[in-house]
Structures are given as structure tokens and as C-alpha cells.
Amino acid sequence: TIGATSRQIRRIVKKESRRLGGIGILIGILSGVGGGLLLFPKGFHGGYYGIAVLLTMVVCSCFQKVFMGLIMGQPYF
């Protein structure tokens, strides 16, 4: 980016963010479908769905605390 104008840098960053976002969405969809097939191999069941939702919330909350701790420079928990 040496010698690039701010408009060029903005364009580069937007292009990169769209590309990374698209890749992230694709990976998320594929892992979600794969995880769904692993959790529900015989089909949908309300109890299993509730457990999966709770487990997802716990895991996401832990990741959020760790990453925010890294960003803010504070302890994880």
C-alpha cells in the first residue's frame, strides 16, 4: 500500500472483506450442515435441538470472552 491513495486503500480493504466474508459464510454454512447431520442423524427432535442451542450459546459466549479479553488486554474471565 505504499504510494496508494486513501480511495485505493478503501477499495482494497472492501474487496478483501467481501472475499473473506464470503469464505467465512461458506465455511459456516458447511460446518453448520455437517454439525446438524452429526447432531441429528435420525432427523429433528425438539429436545436435541434445545441442547444444541444451549451448547452453541455457551461455546460462543466463551469464544467472545476470550477474544474480547485479547483485544482489550484484560483477563479472559
C-alpha atoms as a PDB file:
ATOM      1  CA  THR A   1       0.000   0.000   0.000  1.00  0.00           C
ATOM      2  CA  ILE A   2       2.995   2.281  -0.271  1.00  0.00           C
ATOM      3  CA  GLY A   3       2.013   5.178  -2.509  1.00  0.00           C
ATOM      4  CA  ALA A   4      -1.658   4.184  -2.595  1.00  0.00           C
ATOM      5  CA  THR A   5      -4.287   6.831  -2.155  1.00  0.00           C
ATOM      6  CA  SER A   6      -6.880   6.550   0.607  1.00  0.00           C
ATOM      7  CA  ARG A   7      -9.521   5.731  -2.020  1.00  0.00           C
ATOM      8  CA  GLN A   8      -7.400   2.851  -3.354  1.00  0.00           C
ATOM      9  CA  ILE A   9      -6.797   1.531   0.156  1.00  0.00           C
ATOM     10  CA  ARG A  10     -10.532   1.683   0.897  1.00  0.00           C
ATOM     11  CA  ARG A  11     -11.250  -0.254  -2.293  1.00  0.00           C
ATOM     12  CA  ILE A  12      -8.623  -2.880  -1.425  1.00  0.00           C
ATOM     13  CA  VAL A  13      -9.988  -3.294   2.103  1.00  0.00           C
ATOM     14  CA  LYS A  14     -13.590  -3.588   0.891  1.00  0.00           C
ATOM     15  CA  LYS A  15     -12.626  -6.173  -1.722  1.00  0.00           C
ATOM     16  CA  GLU A  16     -10.686  -8.193   0.835  1.00  0.00           C
ATOM     17  CA  SER A  17     -13.506  -8.007   3.386  1.00  0.00           C
ATOM     18  CA  ARG A  18     -16.054  -9.216   0.830  1.00  0.00           C
ATOM     19  CA  ARG A  19     -13.806 -12.105  -0.139  1.00  0.00           C
ATOM     20  CA  LEU A  20     -13.108 -13.111   3.462  1.00  0.00           C
ATOM     21  CA  GLY A  21     -16.767 -12.663   4.378  1.00  0.00           C
ATOM     22  CA  GLY A  22     -17.859 -14.915   1.535  1.00  0.00           C
ATOM     23  CA  ILE A  23     -15.362 -17.581   2.522  1.00  0.00           C
ATOM     24  CA  GLY A  24     -16.454 -17.321   6.166  1.00  0.00           C
ATOM     25  CA  ILE A  25     -20.131 -17.626   5.240  1.00  0.00           C
ATOM     26  CA  LEU A  26     -19.429 -20.682   3.091  1.00  0.00           C
ATOM     27  CA  ILE A  27     -17.404 -22.353   5.853  1.00  0.00           C
ATOM     28  CA  GLY A  28     -20.122 -21.506   8.379  1.00  0.00           C
ATOM     29  CA  ILE A  29     -22.873 -22.978   6.252  1.00  0.00           C
ATOM     30  CA  LEU A  30     -20.930 -26.150   5.523  1.00  0.00           C
ATOM     31  CA  SER A  31     -19.910 -26.658   9.152  1.00  0.00           C
ATOM     32  CA  GLY A  32     -23.479 -25.927  10.282  1.00  0.00           C
ATOM     33  CA  VAL A  33     -24.908 -28.517   7.923  1.00  0.00           C
ATOM     34  CA  GLY A  34     -22.221 -31.018   8.921  1.00  0.00           C
ATOM     35  CA  GLY A  35     -22.797 -30.359  12.608  1.00  0.00           C
ATOM     36  CA  GLY A  36     -26.538 -30.675  12.112  1.00  0.00           C
ATOM     37  CA  LEU A  37     -26.101 -34.036  10.448  1.00  0.00           C
ATOM     38  CA  LEU A  38     -23.862 -35.187  13.303  1.00  0.00           C
ATOM     39  CA  LEU A  39     -26.259 -33.957  15.987  1.00  0.00           C
ATOM     40  CA  PHE A  40     -29.436 -35.109  14.244  1.00  0.00           C
ATOM     41  CA  PRO A  41     -28.561 -38.223  12.193  1.00  0.00           C
ATOM     42  CA  LYS A  42     -32.100 -39.627  12.525  1.00  0.00           C
ATOM     43  CA  GLY A  43     -33.933 -36.372  11.949  1.00  0.00           C
ATOM     44  CA  PHE A  44     -35.217 -33.466  14.001  1.00  0.00           C
ATOM     45  CA  HIS A  45     -36.048 -33.896  17.684  1.00  0.00           C
ATOM     46  CA  GLY A  46     -37.061 -30.927  19.859  1.00  0.00           C
ATOM     47  CA  GLY A  47     -35.014 -31.980  22.899  1.00  0.00           C
ATOM     48  CA  TYR A  48     -31.836 -32.398  20.899  1.00  0.00           C
ATOM     49  CA  TYR A  49     -32.436 -29.061  19.223  1.00  0.00           C
ATOM     50  CA  GLY A  50     -32.711 -27.328  22.612  1.00  0.00           C
ATOM     51  CA  ILE A  51     -29.480 -28.944  23.783  1.00  0.00           C
ATOM     52  CA  ALA A  52     -27.735 -27.868  20.576  1.00  0.00           C
ATOM     53  CA  VAL A  53     -28.924 -24.268  21.026  1.00  0.00           C
ATOM     54  CA  LEU A  54     -27.712 -24.139  24.634  1.00  0.00           C
ATOM     55  CA  LEU A  55     -24.368 -25.691  23.720  1.00  0.00           C
ATOM     56  CA  THR A  56     -23.921 -23.181  20.885  1.00  0.00           C
ATOM     57  CA  MET A  57     -24.686 -20.266  23.202  1.00  0.00           C
ATOM     58  CA  VAL A  58     -22.154 -21.476  25.785  1.00  0.00           C
ATOM     59  CA  VAL A  59     -19.398 -22.035  23.227  1.00  0.00           C
ATOM     60  CA  CYS A  60     -19.990 -18.670  21.514  1.00  0.00           C
ATOM     61  CA  SER A  61     -20.040 -16.888  24.859  1.00  0.00           C
ATOM     62  CA  CYS A  62     -16.703 -18.440  25.827  1.00  0.00           C
ATOM     63  CA  PHE A  63     -15.127 -17.508  22.496  1.00  0.00           C
ATOM     64  CA  GLN A  64     -16.458 -13.973  22.808  1.00  0.00           C
ATOM     65  CA  LYS A  65     -14.977 -13.553  26.288  1.00  0.00           C
ATOM     66  CA  VAL A  66     -11.594 -14.877  25.191  1.00  0.00           C
ATOM     67  CA  PHE A  67     -11.394 -12.719  22.067  1.00  0.00           C
ATOM     68  CA  MET A  68     -12.634  -9.580  23.820  1.00  0.00           C
ATOM     69  CA  GLY A  69     -10.084 -10.223  26.552  1.00  0.00           C
ATOM     70  CA  LEU A  70      -7.335 -10.450  23.946  1.00  0.00           C
ATOM     71  CA  ILE A  71      -8.493  -7.272  22.223  1.00  0.00           C
ATOM     72  CA  MET A  72      -8.941  -5.245  25.412  1.00  0.00           C
ATOM     73  CA  GLY A  73      -5.864  -6.682  27.125  1.00  0.00           C
ATOM     74  CA  GLN A  74      -7.870  -7.893  30.124  1.00  0.00           C
ATOM     75  CA  PRO A  75      -8.157 -11.328  31.759  1.00  0.00           C
ATOM     76  CA  TYR A  76     -10.326 -13.814  29.895  1.00  0.00           C
ATOM     77  CA  PHE A  77     -12.858 -14.482  32.668  1.00  0.00           C
END
